[in-house]
Amino acid sequence: MGAAVSQALAALGLGAQPPAAWLAAAALGLVALGTLAWRRARPRRRGRLQQVGTVQQLYIYPVKSCKGVAVSEAECTALGLRRGHLRDRFWLVINEKGNMVTARQEPRLVLISLICEGDALTLSAAYTKDLLLPVQTPPTNAVVKCRVHGLEVQGRDCGEAAAEWVTSFLKSQPYRLVHFEPHMRPRKPHQMFDVFRPKDQIAYSDASPLLILSQASLADLNSRLEKKVKAANFRPNIVISGCGVYAEDSWNELLIGDVELRRVMACSRCILTTVDPDTGVMSRKEPLDTLKSYRLCDPSEQNLYGKSPLFGQYFVPENPGTIKVGDAVYLLGREKAS
């Protein structure tokens, strides 16, 4: 054994022990170092997990304000849910000035669906011939500047055929369809609501990558309405069953599958909720009027929500992962690492 090695072993207090002994000691040292590094990288550990519900439904809305796609499982990314080539609010209808167009202006948008099969996207609507588009928008198509809730964001134009199809279906003014690509700079909801963190990001969603609603809250609202409404009126990404009415209002941190989620704020509701998802007709009345009768914010929060009723909660993912229908939903109790 060389002098340098002997000195190193002596410094570790191993002296001239047999190789097996100091190899075991070295292995234990590496384990200890690894544990210390993990603790430094993850300063908090999960406390006791309490199941508060079950994932009943998952929805991706590929085109903002258009039909949702029910999926059995989805990747949870920083920009929202993803299933294959379908990503949440990654397509957007805009007018000639580049401003977003939603069901607030064009209620019949809720009748348009976008599905993906292989390398093709299909735009569909009743009594209208389907339009096939490539999954990857041609790179030669123009990249345009769009505005979504006052914030500028890019989109690649999906071409003349898509523009003509959307314009022909809505029959009001010229529109275009654009696609957000992963290399484009996302919007920062922190610029609209300072309760979000500077690192939180979205593509064409209103304010947050994830909206959670409980089945119990929807049932409670329907018990107050003459004409029942659906989850589709509120466009949630995750519907939770097996919990109390408005339990989601108090869930600050959740674990679903291997994804940790953090609640940011409630979702304030507008006239889009009054659009019938089956007919595309806007009533401008219900369920909004009923929600205003019992779901207004505390006066101390009016600077955040104004006079809009609250229904559902905005969450942001703390890590990527997979969420499945049937997954248990756990409320995270946190404790500081020792």
C-alpha atoms as a PDB file:
ATOM      1  CA  MET A   1       0.000   0.000   0.000  1.00  0.00           C
ATOM      2  CA  GLY A   2       1.529   3.415  -1.042  1.00  0.00           C
ATOM      3  CA  ALA A   3       2.522   6.055   1.500  1.00  0.00           C
ATOM      4  CA  ALA A   4      -0.095   8.532   0.241  1.00  0.00           C
ATOM      5  CA  VAL A   5      -2.890   5.968   0.616  1.00  0.00           C
ATOM      6  CA  SER A   6      -1.683   4.983   4.084  1.00  0.00           C
ATOM      7  CA  GLN A   7      -1.692   8.627   5.169  1.00  0.00           C
ATOM      8  CA  ALA A   8      -5.216   9.132   3.799  1.00  0.00           C
ATOM      9  CA  LEU A   9      -6.464   6.023   5.629  1.00  0.00           C
ATOM     10  CA  ALA A  10      -4.823   7.170   8.820  1.00  0.00           C
ATOM     11  CA  ALA A  11      -6.546  10.547   8.501  1.00  0.00           C
ATOM     12  CA  LEU A  12      -9.855   8.716   8.298  1.00  0.00           C
ATOM     13  CA  GLY A  13      -8.949   6.653  11.343  1.00  0.00           C
ATOM     14  CA  LEU A  14      -8.783   3.410   9.356  1.00  0.00           C
ATOM     15  CA  GLY A  15      -5.079   2.707   9.709  1.00  0.00           C
ATOM     16  CA  ALA A  16      -4.033  -0.497   7.983  1.00  0.00           C
ATOM     17  CA  GLN A  17      -7.390  -2.281   8.250  1.00  0.00           C
ATOM     18  CA  PRO A  18      -8.237  -4.947   5.670  1.00  0.00           C
ATOM     19  CA  PRO A  19      -9.623  -3.535   2.342  1.00  0.00           C
ATOM     20  CA  ALA A  20     -13.137  -4.850   3.030  1.00  0.00           C
ATOM     21  CA  ALA A  21     -13.354  -2.851   6.235  1.00  0.00           C
ATOM     22  CA  TRP A  22     -12.305   0.494   4.784  1.00  0.00           C
ATOM     23  CA  LEU A  23     -14.371  -0.038   1.655  1.00  0.00           C
ATOM     24  CA  ALA A  24     -17.440  -0.494   3.870  1.00  0.00           C
ATOM     25  CA  ALA A  25     -16.564   2.653   5.798  1.00  0.00           C
ATOM     26  CA  ALA A  26     -16.127   4.584   2.551  1.00  0.00           C
ATOM     27  CA  ALA A  27     -19.518   3.370   1.322  1.00  0.00           C
ATOM     28  CA  LEU A  28     -21.157   4.534   4.541  1.00  0.00           C
ATOM     29  CA  GLY A  29     -19.483   7.895   4.097  1.00  0.00           C
ATOM     30  CA  LEU A  30     -20.853   8.235   0.572  1.00  0.00           C
ATOM     31  CA  VAL A  31     -24.358   7.392   1.805  1.00  0.00           C
ATOM     32  CA  ALA A  32     -24.064  10.068   4.482  1.00  0.00           C
ATOM     33  CA  LEU A  33     -22.856  12.624   1.946  1.00  0.00           C
ATOM     34  CA  GLY A  34     -25.701  11.709  -0.415  1.00  0.00           C
ATOM     35  CA  THR A  35     -28.276  12.107   2.362  1.00  0.00           C
ATOM     36  CA  LEU A  36     -26.833  15.495   3.295  1.00  0.00           C
ATOM     37  CA  ALA A  37     -26.932  16.654  -0.349  1.00  0.00           C
ATOM     38  CA  TRP A  38     -30.593  15.532  -0.682  1.00  0.00           C
ATOM     39  CA  ARG A  39     -31.521  17.444   2.461  1.00  0.00           C
ATOM     40  CA  ARG A  40     -29.773  20.561   1.175  1.00  0.00           C
ATOM     41  CA  ALA A  41     -31.491  20.297  -2.216  1.00  0.00           C
ATOM     42  CA  ARG A  42     -34.882  19.699  -0.597  1.00  0.00           C
ATOM     43  CA  PRO A  43     -35.082  21.843   2.557  1.00  0.00           C
ATOM     44  CA  ARG A  44     -38.614  20.718   3.398  1.00  0.00           C
ATOM     45  CA  ARG A  45     -39.991  17.220   3.642  1.00  0.00           C
ATOM     46  CA  ARG A  46     -43.565  16.006   3.415  1.00  0.00           C
ATOM     47  CA  GLY A  47     -45.410  15.728   6.645  1.00  0.00           C
ATOM     48  CA  ARG A  48     -48.415  13.532   7.231  1.00  0.00           C
ATOM     49  CA  LEU A  49     -50.545  13.043   4.117  1.00  0.00           C
ATOM     50  CA  GLN A  50     -54.296  13.434   4.434  1.00  0.00           C
ATOM     51  CA  GLN A  51     -56.487  12.248   1.561  1.00  0.00           C
ATOM     52  CA  VAL A  52     -59.108  14.883   0.775  1.00  0.00           C
ATOM     53  CA  GLY A  53     -60.546  13.543  -2.486  1.00  0.00           C
ATOM     54  CA  THR A  54     -60.068  11.695  -5.770  1.00  0.00           C
ATOM     55  CA  VAL A  55     -59.439  12.911  -9.305  1.00  0.00           C
ATOM     56  CA  GLN A  56     -62.762  12.440 -11.087  1.00  0.00           C
ATOM     57  CA  GLN A  57     -62.045  14.152 -14.409  1.00  0.00           C
ATOM     58  CA  LEU A  58     -59.118  15.694 -16.304  1.00  0.00           C
ATOM     59  CA  TYR A  59     -59.598  18.195 -19.126  1.00  0.00           C
ATOM     60  CA  ILE A  60     -57.298  19.778 -21.674  1.00  0.00           C
ATOM     61  CA  TYR A  61     -58.591  22.762 -23.675  1.00  0.00           C
ATOM     62  CA  PRO A  62     -56.301  22.855 -26.725  1.00  0.00           C
ATOM     63  CA  VAL A  63     -57.877  26.007 -28.232  1.00  0.00           C
ATOM     64  CA  LYS A  64     -58.693  28.804 -25.803  1.00  0.00           C
ATOM     65  CA  SER A  65     -62.503  29.006 -25.323  1.00  0.00           C
ATOM     66  CA  CYS A  66     -63.152  25.913 -27.477  1.00  0.00           C
ATOM     67  CA  LYS A  67     -64.270  22.451 -26.349  1.00  0.00           C
ATOM     68  CA  GLY A  68     -62.281  20.567 -23.759  1.00  0.00           C
ATOM     69  CA  VAL A  69     -60.838  17.092 -24.284  1.00  0.00           C
ATOM     70  CA  ALA A  70     -61.419  14.618 -21.440  1.00  0.00           C
ATOM     71  CA  VAL A  71     -58.291  12.504 -20.837  1.00  0.00           C
ATOM     72  CA  SER A  72     -57.584   9.605 -18.494  1.00  0.00           C
ATOM     73  CA  GLU A  73     -54.125  10.886 -17.619  1.00  0.00           C
ATOM     74  CA  ALA A  74     -51.931  13.862 -18.436  1.00  0.00           C
ATOM     75  CA  GLU A  75     -48.468  15.228 -17.905  1.00  0.00           C
ATOM     76  CA  CYS A  76     -48.453  18.208 -15.584  1.00  0.00           C
ATOM     77  CA  THR A  77     -45.985  20.817 -16.876  1.00  0.00           C
ATOM     78  CA  ALA A  78     -45.157  24.350 -15.794  1.00  0.00           C
ATOM     79  CA  LEU A  79     -47.484  25.583 -18.567  1.00  0.00           C
ATOM     80  CA  GLY A  80     -50.371  23.228 -17.753  1.00  0.00           C
ATOM     81  CA  LEU A  81     -51.626  19.787 -18.719  1.00  0.00           C
ATOM     82  CA  ARG A  82     -50.309  17.912 -21.724  1.00  0.00           C
ATOM     83  CA  ARG A  83     -51.314  14.675 -23.434  1.00  0.00           C
ATOM     84  CA  GLY A  84     -49.161  13.883 -26.455  1.00  0.00           C
ATOM     85  CA  HIS A  85     -49.393  16.812 -28.876  1.00  0.00           C
ATOM     86  CA  LEU A  86     -52.406  18.276 -27.092  1.00  0.00           C
ATOM     87  CA  ARG A  87     -51.459  21.039 -24.684  1.00  0.00           C
ATOM     88  CA  ASP A  88     -53.752  23.227 -22.643  1.00  0.00           C
ATOM     89  CA  ARG A  89     -54.534  26.592 -24.282  1.00  0.00           C
ATOM     90  CA  PHE A  90     -51.691  26.359 -26.803  1.00  0.00           C
ATOM     91  CA  TRP A  91     -53.925  27.504 -29.695  1.00  0.00           C
ATOM     92  CA  LEU A  92     -55.678  30.859 -29.815  1.00  0.00           C
ATOM     93  CA  VAL A  93     -58.151  32.643 -32.070  1.00  0.00           C
ATOM     94  CA  ILE A  94     -57.188  36.273 -32.701  1.00  0.00           C
ATOM     95  CA  ASN A  95     -58.687  39.179 -34.634  1.00  0.00           C
ATOM     96  CA  GLU A  96     -56.913  41.253 -37.268  1.00  0.00           C
ATOM     97  CA  LYS A  97     -55.343  43.437 -34.569  1.00  0.00           C
ATOM     98  CA  GLY A  98     -53.824  40.433 -32.790  1.00  0.00           C
ATOM     99  CA  ASN A  99     -56.180  40.596 -29.816  1.00  0.00           C
ATOM    100  CA  MET A 100     -57.411  37.323 -28.309  1.00  0.00           C
ATOM    101  CA  VAL A 101     -60.957  36.261 -29.141  1.00  0.00           C
ATOM    102  CA  THR A 102     -62.812  34.178 -26.573  1.00  0.00           C
ATOM    103  CA  ALA A 103     -66.365  32.989 -25.960  1.00  0.00           C
ATOM    104  CA  ARG A 104     -66.968  36.322 -24.242  1.00  0.00           C
ATOM    105  CA  GLN A 105     -67.018  37.882 -27.720  1.00  0.00           C
ATOM    106  CA  GLU A 106     -67.860  34.802 -29.800  1.00  0.00           C
ATOM    107  CA  PRO A 107     -69.938  32.342 -27.724  1.00  0.00           C
ATOM    108  CA  ARG A 108     -70.038  29.768 -30.543  1.00  0.00           C
ATOM    109  CA  LEU A 109     -66.330  29.121 -30.026  1.00  0.00           C
ATOM    110  CA  VAL A 110     -67.372  26.594 -27.355  1.00  0.00           C
ATOM    111  CA  LEU A 111     -68.768  24.391 -30.160  1.00  0.00           C
ATOM    112  CA  ILE A 112     -65.372  23.959 -31.863  1.00  0.00           C
ATOM    113  CA  SER A 113     -63.214  20.989 -30.932  1.00  0.00           C
ATOM    114  CA  LEU A 114     -59.587  20.200 -31.710  1.00  0.00           C
ATOM    115  CA  ILE A 115     -58.367  16.620 -31.505  1.00  0.00           C
ATOM    116  CA  CYS A 116     -55.076  14.971 -32.402  1.00  0.00           C
ATOM    117  CA  GLU A 117     -54.586  11.668 -34.236  1.00  0.00           C
ATOM    118  CA  GLY A 118     -51.051  10.753 -35.222  1.00  0.00           C
ATOM    119  CA  ASP A 119     -49.414  13.714 -36.956  1.00  0.00           C
ATOM    120  CA  ALA A 120     -52.670  15.505 -37.756  1.00  0.00           C
ATOM    121  CA  LEU A 121     -54.897  17.913 -35.878  1.00  0.00           C
ATOM    122  CA  THR A 122     -58.607  18.047 -36.667  1.00  0.00           C
ATOM    123  CA  LEU A 123     -60.795  21.091 -36.152  1.00  0.00           C
ATOM    124  CA  SER A 124     -64.457  20.059 -35.936  1.00  0.00           C
ATOM    125  CA  ALA A 125     -67.847  21.687 -35.452  1.00  0.00           C
ATOM    126  CA  ALA A 126     -71.422  20.614 -36.184  1.00  0.00           C
ATOM    127  CA  TYR A 127     -72.657  21.049 -39.762  1.00  0.00           C
ATOM    128  CA  THR A 128     -69.133  22.054 -40.846  1.00  0.00           C
ATOM    129  CA  LYS A 129     -66.581  20.041 -42.769  1.00  0.00           C
ATOM    130  CA  ASP A 130     -63.607  19.003 -40.630  1.00  0.00           C
ATOM    131  CA  LEU A 131     -60.306  20.773 -41.183  1.00  0.00           C
ATOM    132  CA  LEU A 132     -57.057  18.818 -41.005  1.00  0.00           C
ATOM    133  CA  LEU A 133     -53.874  20.597 -39.921  1.00  0.00           C
ATOM    134  CA  PRO A 134     -50.324  19.324 -39.340  1.00  0.00           C
ATOM    135  CA  VAL A 135     -49.317  18.868 -35.707  1.00  0.00           C
ATOM    136  CA  GLN A 136     -46.224  20.952 -36.348  1.00  0.00           C
ATOM    137  CA  THR A 137     -47.125  24.336 -37.790  1.00  0.00           C
ATOM    138  CA  PRO A 138     -44.813  24.949 -40.801  1.00  0.00           C
ATOM    139  CA  PRO A 139     -41.799  27.018 -39.685  1.00  0.00           C
ATOM    140  CA  THR A 140     -42.251  29.222 -42.751  1.00  0.00           C
ATOM    141  CA  ASN A 141     -45.550  30.520 -41.320  1.00  0.00           C
ATOM    142  CA  ALA A 142     -45.356  33.961 -39.782  1.00  0.00           C
ATOM    143  CA  VAL A 143     -44.872  34.494 -36.054  1.00  0.00           C
ATOM    144  CA  VAL A 144     -47.281  37.198 -34.902  1.00  0.00           C
ATOM    145  CA  LYS A 145     -47.600  39.304 -31.766  1.00  0.00           C
ATOM    146  CA  CYS A 146     -50.813  38.638 -29.824  1.00  0.00           C
ATOM    147  CA  ARG A 147     -52.349  40.181 -26.732  1.00  0.00           C
ATOM    148  CA  VAL A 148     -53.977  38.087 -24.021  1.00  0.00           C
ATOM    149  CA  HIS A 149     -55.428  40.064 -21.099  1.00  0.00           C
ATOM    150  CA  GLY A 150     -53.156  42.967 -21.893  1.00  0.00           C
ATOM    151  CA  LEU A 151     -49.920  40.961 -22.038  1.00  0.00           C
ATOM    152  CA  GLU A 152     -48.048  40.459 -25.293  1.00  0.00           C
ATOM    153  CA  VAL A 153     -47.250  36.908 -26.373  1.00  0.00           C
ATOM    154  CA  GLN A 154     -46.194  35.286 -29.633  1.00  0.00           C
ATOM    155  CA  GLY A 155     -48.019  32.761 -31.777  1.00  0.00           C
ATOM    156  CA  ARG A 156     -47.230  31.100 -35.090  1.00  0.00           C
ATOM    157  CA  ASP A 157     -50.001  31.608 -37.637  1.00  0.00           C
ATOM    158  CA  CYS A 158     -51.657  28.309 -38.542  1.00  0.00           C
ATOM    159  CA  GLY A 159     -52.254  29.386 -42.152  1.00  0.00           C
ATOM    160  CA  GLU A 160     -54.989  30.525 -44.511  1.00  0.00           C
ATOM    161  CA  ALA A 161     -57.048  27.330 -44.403  1.00  0.00           C
ATOM    162  CA  ALA A 162     -57.392  27.544 -40.609  1.00  0.00           C
ATOM    163  CA  ALA A 163     -58.203  31.260 -40.748  1.00  0.00           C
ATOM    164  CA  GLU A 164     -60.888  30.703 -43.380  1.00  0.00           C
ATOM    165  CA  TRP A 165     -62.384  27.769 -41.459  1.00  0.00           C
ATOM    166  CA  VAL A 166     -62.716  29.699 -38.169  1.00  0.00           C
ATOM    167  CA  THR A 167     -63.954  32.834 -39.923  1.00  0.00           C
ATOM    168  CA  SER A 168     -66.544  30.879 -41.917  1.00  0.00           C
ATOM    169  CA  PHE A 169     -67.856  29.114 -38.816  1.00  0.00           C
ATOM    170  CA  LEU A 170     -68.185  32.227 -36.652  1.00  0.00           C
ATOM    171  CA  LYS A 171     -69.558  34.399 -39.497  1.00  0.00           C
ATOM    172  CA  SER A 172     -68.811  37.777 -37.958  1.00  0.00           C
ATOM    173  CA  GLN A 173     -65.360  39.142 -38.891  1.00  0.00           C
ATOM    174  CA  PRO A 174     -61.993  37.837 -40.106  1.00  0.00           C
ATOM    175  CA  TYR A 175     -60.158  35.710 -37.572  1.00  0.00           C
ATOM    176  CA  ARG A 176     -56.912  33.750 -37.478  1.00  0.00           C
ATOM    177  CA  LEU A 177     -55.673  30.767 -35.502  1.00  0.00           C
ATOM    178  CA  VAL A 178     -52.229  30.861 -33.904  1.00  0.00           C
ATOM    179  CA  HIS A 179     -50.148  28.271 -32.062  1.00  0.00           C
ATOM    180  CA  PHE A 180     -47.835  28.785 -29.096  1.00  0.00           C
ATOM    181  CA  GLU A 181     -44.537  26.932 -29.513  1.00  0.00           C
ATOM    182  CA  PRO A 182     -42.381  25.756 -26.583  1.00  0.00           C
ATOM    183  CA  HIS A 183     -39.449  28.007 -27.516  1.00  0.00           C
ATOM    184  CA  MET A 184     -41.631  31.133 -27.330  1.00  0.00           C
ATOM    185  CA  ARG A 185     -41.557  33.320 -24.244  1.00  0.00           C
ATOM    186  CA  PRO A 186     -44.527  32.545 -21.957  1.00  0.00           C
ATOM    187  CA  ARG A 187     -46.654  35.152 -20.236  1.00  0.00           C
ATOM    188  CA  LYS A 188     -46.059  35.900 -16.558  1.00  0.00           C
ATOM    189  CA  PRO A 189     -49.243  35.987 -14.453  1.00  0.00           C
ATOM    190  CA  HIS A 190     -47.258  37.905 -11.831  1.00  0.00           C
ATOM    191  CA  GLN A 191     -47.623  40.917 -14.147  1.00  0.00           C
ATOM    192  CA  MET A 192     -51.408  40.743 -13.667  1.00  0.00           C
ATOM    193  CA  PHE A 193     -51.677  39.461 -10.082  1.00  0.00           C
ATOM    194  CA  ASP A 194     -48.803  39.867  -7.657  1.00  0.00           C
ATOM    195  CA  VAL A 195     -49.952  36.804  -5.690  1.00  0.00           C
ATOM    196  CA  PHE A 196     -48.250  34.736  -8.393  1.00  0.00           C
ATOM    197  CA  ARG A 197     -44.476  34.309  -8.257  1.00  0.00           C
ATOM    198  CA  PRO A 198     -42.224  35.823 -10.938  1.00  0.00           C
ATOM    199  CA  LYS A 199     -41.294  32.288 -12.035  1.00  0.00           C
ATOM    200  CA  ASP A 200     -44.910  31.171 -12.666  1.00  0.00           C
ATOM    201  CA  GLN A 201     -45.797  31.075 -16.361  1.00  0.00           C
ATOM    202  CA  ILE A 202     -48.628  30.457 -18.833  1.00  0.00           C
ATOM    203  CA  ALA A 203     -49.200  30.387 -22.579  1.00  0.00           C
ATOM    204  CA  TYR A 204     -52.744  31.553 -23.509  1.00  0.00           C
ATOM    205  CA  SER A 205     -54.531  30.651 -20.256  1.00  0.00           C
ATOM    206  CA  ASP A 206     -56.235  33.533 -18.457  1.00  0.00           C
ATOM    207  CA  ALA A 207     -54.089  33.562 -15.327  1.00  0.00           C
ATOM    208  CA  SER A 208     -52.864  30.146 -14.170  1.00  0.00           C
ATOM    209  CA  PRO A 209     -51.712  26.813 -15.617  1.00  0.00           C
ATOM    210  CA  LEU A 210     -54.255  24.802 -13.593  1.00  0.00           C
ATOM    211  CA  LEU A 211     -57.838  25.308 -12.425  1.00  0.00           C
ATOM    212  CA  ILE A 212     -59.282  22.918  -9.840  1.00  0.00           C
ATOM    213  CA  LEU A 213     -62.982  22.533  -9.043  1.00  0.00           C
ATOM    214  CA  SER A 214     -64.754  20.050  -6.793  1.00  0.00           C
ATOM    215  CA  GLN A 215     -67.801  18.049  -7.825  1.00  0.00           C
ATOM    216  CA  ALA A 216     -69.391  18.960  -4.472  1.00  0.00           C
ATOM    217  CA  SER A 217     -69.152  22.681  -5.237  1.00  0.00           C
ATOM    218  CA  LEU A 218     -70.750  22.167  -8.641  1.00  0.00           C
ATOM    219  CA  ALA A 219     -73.547  20.118  -7.053  1.00  0.00           C
ATOM    220  CA  ASP A 220     -74.127  22.843  -4.467  1.00  0.00           C
ATOM    221  CA  LEU A 221     -74.448  25.474  -7.189  1.00  0.00           C
ATOM    222  CA  ASN A 222     -76.846  23.286  -9.172  1.00  0.00           C
ATOM    223  CA  SER A 223     -79.029  22.865  -6.083  1.00  0.00           C
ATOM    224  CA  ARG A 224     -79.634  26.628  -6.302  1.00  0.00           C
ATOM    225  CA  LEU A 225     -80.369  26.760 -10.058  1.00  0.00           C
ATOM    226  CA  GLU A 226     -83.503  25.977 -12.053  1.00  0.00           C
ATOM    227  CA  LYS A 227     -81.413  24.966 -15.093  1.00  0.00           C
ATOM    228  CA  LYS A 228     -78.422  22.832 -14.180  1.00  0.00           C
ATOM    229  CA  VAL A 229     -74.953  23.659 -15.441  1.00  0.00           C
ATOM    230  CA  LYS A 230     -71.939  21.469 -16.188  1.00  0.00           C
ATOM    231  CA  ALA A 231     -68.298  21.551 -15.257  1.00  0.00           C
ATOM    232  CA  ALA A 232     -67.772  22.658 -18.885  1.00  0.00           C
ATOM    233  CA  ASN A 233     -69.345  26.030 -18.019  1.00  0.00           C
ATOM    234  CA  PHE A 234     -66.325  26.668 -15.782  1.00  0.00           C
ATOM    235  CA  ARG A 235     -63.577  24.975 -17.817  1.00  0.00           C
ATOM    236  CA  PRO A 236     -61.620  23.283 -14.983  1.00  0.00           C
ATOM    237  CA  ASN A 237     -58.547  21.174 -15.675  1.00  0.00           C
ATOM    238  CA  ILE A 238     -59.030  18.913 -12.649  1.00  0.00           C
ATOM    239  CA  VAL A 239     -62.376  17.952 -11.099  1.00  0.00           C
ATOM    240  CA  ILE A 240     -62.156  16.441  -7.623  1.00  0.00           C
ATOM    241  CA  SER A 241     -64.771  14.138  -6.043  1.00  0.00           C
ATOM    242  CA  GLY A 242     -65.151  12.835  -2.506  1.00  0.00           C
ATOM    243  CA  CYS A 243     -64.656  16.121  -0.683  1.00  0.00           C
ATOM    244  CA  GLY A 244     -66.841  18.694   1.040  1.00  0.00           C
ATOM    245  CA  VAL A 245     -68.522  21.696  -0.576  1.00  0.00           C
ATOM    246  CA  TYR A 246     -65.930  24.362  -1.449  1.00  0.00           C
ATOM    247  CA  ALA A 247     -63.210  22.322   0.246  1.00  0.00           C
ATOM    248  CA  GLU A 248     -60.870  23.434  -2.556  1.00  0.00           C
ATOM    249  CA  ASP A 249     -60.963  26.968  -1.146  1.00  0.00           C
ATOM    250  CA  SER A 250     -58.783  25.855   1.781  1.00  0.00           C
ATOM    251  CA  TRP A 251     -56.350  23.482   0.061  1.00  0.00           C
ATOM    252  CA  ASN A 252     -53.039  25.302   0.081  1.00  0.00           C
ATOM    253  CA  GLU A 253     -50.767  22.456  -1.022  1.00  0.00           C
ATOM    254  CA  LEU A 254     -51.794  19.217  -2.715  1.00  0.00           C
ATOM    255  CA  LEU A 255     -50.127  16.018  -3.853  1.00  0.00           C
ATOM    256  CA  ILE A 256     -51.743  14.257  -6.829  1.00  0.00           C
ATOM    257  CA  GLY A 257     -49.837  11.342  -8.312  1.00  0.00           C
ATOM    258  CA  ASP A 258     -46.244  12.537  -8.111  1.00  0.00           C
ATOM    259  CA  VAL A 259     -47.134  16.205  -8.628  1.00  0.00           C
ATOM    260  CA  GLU A 260     -47.145  18.783  -5.855  1.00  0.00           C
ATOM    261  CA  LEU A 261     -49.481  21.725  -6.435  1.00  0.00           C
ATOM    262  CA  ARG A 262     -49.699  25.097  -4.692  1.00  0.00           C
ATOM    263  CA  ARG A 263     -52.885  27.165  -4.511  1.00  0.00           C
ATOM    264  CA  VAL A 264     -52.487  30.783  -5.561  1.00  0.00           C
ATOM    265  CA  MET A 265     -55.930  32.415  -5.673  1.00  0.00           C
ATOM    266  CA  ALA A 266     -59.589  31.822  -6.432  1.00  0.00           C
ATOM    267  CA  CYS A 267     -60.940  32.075  -9.974  1.00  0.00           C
ATOM    268  CA  SER A 268     -63.185  35.116 -10.422  1.00  0.00           C
ATOM    269  CA  ARG A 269     -66.050  34.459 -12.814  1.00  0.00           C
ATOM    270  CA  CYS A 270     -67.384  36.407 -15.793  1.00  0.00           C
ATOM    271  CA  ILE A 271     -70.095  36.149 -18.464  1.00  0.00           C
ATOM    272  CA  LEU A 272     -68.274  33.277 -20.177  1.00  0.00           C
ATOM    273  CA  THR A 273     -69.852  30.994 -17.562  1.00  0.00           C
ATOM    274  CA  THR A 274     -73.283  31.901 -18.970  1.00  0.00           C
ATOM    275  CA  VAL A 275     -72.470  30.368 -22.376  1.00  0.00           C
ATOM    276  CA  ASP A 276     -74.248  27.036 -22.803  1.00  0.00           C
ATOM    277  CA  PRO A 277     -71.460  24.586 -23.801  1.00  0.00           C
ATOM    278  CA  ASP A 278     -73.944  22.510 -25.831  1.00  0.00           C
ATOM    279  CA  THR A 279     -75.596  25.309 -27.845  1.00  0.00           C
ATOM    280  CA  GLY A 280     -73.098  28.187 -27.821  1.00  0.00           C
ATOM    281  CA  VAL A 281     -75.836  30.571 -26.631  1.00  0.00           C
ATOM    282  CA  MET A 282     -74.943  33.190 -24.009  1.00  0.00           C
ATOM    283  CA  SER A 283     -77.684  34.074 -21.508  1.00  0.00           C
ATOM    284  CA  ARG A 284     -75.636  36.706 -19.609  1.00  0.00           C
ATOM    285  CA  LYS A 285     -77.628  35.649 -16.534  1.00  0.00           C
ATOM    286  CA  GLU A 286     -77.119  32.221 -15.002  1.00  0.00           C
ATOM    287  CA  PRO A 287     -75.187  30.785 -13.291  1.00  0.00           C
ATOM    288  CA  LEU A 288     -73.424  34.118 -12.787  1.00  0.00           C
ATOM    289  CA  ASP A 289     -76.316  35.883 -11.048  1.00  0.00           C
ATOM    290  CA  THR A 290     -76.737  33.051  -8.558  1.00  0.00           C
ATOM    291  CA  LEU A 291     -73.011  32.903  -7.862  1.00  0.00           C
ATOM    292  CA  LYS A 292     -73.046  36.639  -7.126  1.00  0.00           C
ATOM    293  CA  SER A 293     -75.684  36.017  -4.445  1.00  0.00           C
ATOM    294  CA  TYR A 294     -73.397  33.899  -2.262  1.00  0.00           C
ATOM    295  CA  ARG A 295     -69.846  33.621  -3.642  1.00  0.00           C
ATOM    296  CA  LEU A 296     -68.474  37.179  -3.490  1.00  0.00           C
ATOM    297  CA  CYS A 297     -65.097  37.711  -1.870  1.00  0.00           C
ATOM    298  CA  ASP A 298     -64.434  39.179   1.524  1.00  0.00           C
ATOM    299  CA  PRO A 299     -64.356  43.009   1.343  1.00  0.00           C
ATOM    300  CA  SER A 300     -60.660  42.906   2.275  1.00  0.00           C
ATOM    301  CA  GLU A 301     -59.936  41.099  -1.027  1.00  0.00           C
ATOM    302  CA  GLN A 302     -61.877  43.365  -3.379  1.00  0.00           C
ATOM    303  CA  ASN A 303     -58.650  44.850  -4.704  1.00  0.00           C
ATOM    304  CA  LEU A 304     -57.862  41.358  -6.056  1.00  0.00           C
ATOM    305  CA  TYR A 305     -61.285  40.103  -7.147  1.00  0.00           C
ATOM    306  CA  GLY A 306     -63.472  43.161  -7.466  1.00  0.00           C
ATOM    307  CA  LYS A 307     -67.183  42.327  -7.492  1.00  0.00           C
ATOM    308  CA  SER A 308     -66.866  39.064  -9.440  1.00  0.00           C
ATOM    309  CA  PRO A 309     -68.030  35.826  -7.776  1.00  0.00           C
ATOM    310  CA  LEU A 310     -65.462  33.130  -7.008  1.00  0.00           C
ATOM    311  CA  PHE A 311     -65.750  29.520  -8.170  1.00  0.00           C
ATOM    312  CA  GLY A 312     -62.808  27.123  -8.405  1.00  0.00           C
ATOM    313  CA  GLN A 313     -59.178  27.674  -7.446  1.00  0.00           C
ATOM    314  CA  TYR A 314     -56.020  28.439  -9.414  1.00  0.00           C
ATOM    315  CA  PHE A 315     -53.033  26.195  -8.702  1.00  0.00           C
ATOM    316  CA  VAL A 316     -49.459  26.079  -9.980  1.00  0.00           C
ATOM    317  CA  PRO A 317     -47.339  22.902 -10.161  1.00  0.00           C
ATOM    318  CA  GLU A 318     -44.218  22.769  -8.020  1.00  0.00           C
ATOM    319  CA  ASN A 319     -42.734  19.940 -10.087  1.00  0.00           C
ATOM    320  CA  PRO A 320     -43.505  18.097 -13.333  1.00  0.00           C
ATOM    321  CA  GLY A 321     -45.193  14.710 -13.211  1.00  0.00           C
ATOM    322  CA  THR A 322     -48.229  12.678 -14.198  1.00  0.00           C
ATOM    323  CA  ILE A 323     -51.812  12.952 -12.949  1.00  0.00           C
ATOM    324  CA  LYS A 324     -54.416  10.242 -13.623  1.00  0.00           C
ATOM    325  CA  VAL A 325     -58.164   9.926 -13.217  1.00  0.00           C
ATOM    326  CA  GLY A 326     -58.667   7.927 -10.020  1.00  0.00           C
ATOM    327  CA  ASP A 327     -55.575   9.330  -8.296  1.00  0.00           C
ATOM    328  CA  ALA A 328     -55.952  10.112  -4.623  1.00  0.00           C
ATOM    329  CA  VAL A 329     -55.722  13.802  -3.779  1.00  0.00           C
ATOM    330  CA  TYR A 330     -53.686  14.467  -0.646  1.00  0.00           C
ATOM    331  CA  LEU A 331     -53.480  17.615   1.401  1.00  0.00           C
ATOM    332  CA  LEU A 332     -49.856  18.241   2.188  1.00  0.00           C
ATOM    333  CA  GLY A 333     -48.890  18.994   5.779  1.00  0.00           C
ATOM    334  CA  ARG A 334     -45.453  20.556   5.876  1.00  0.00           C
ATOM    335  CA  GLU A 335     -42.752  20.537   8.504  1.00  0.00           C
ATOM    336  CA  LYS A 336     -39.257  21.921   8.436  1.00  0.00           C
ATOM    337  CA  ALA A 337     -36.397  19.485   7.994  1.00  0.00           C
ATOM    338  CA  SER A 338     -34.316  18.920  11.122  1.00  0.00           C
END
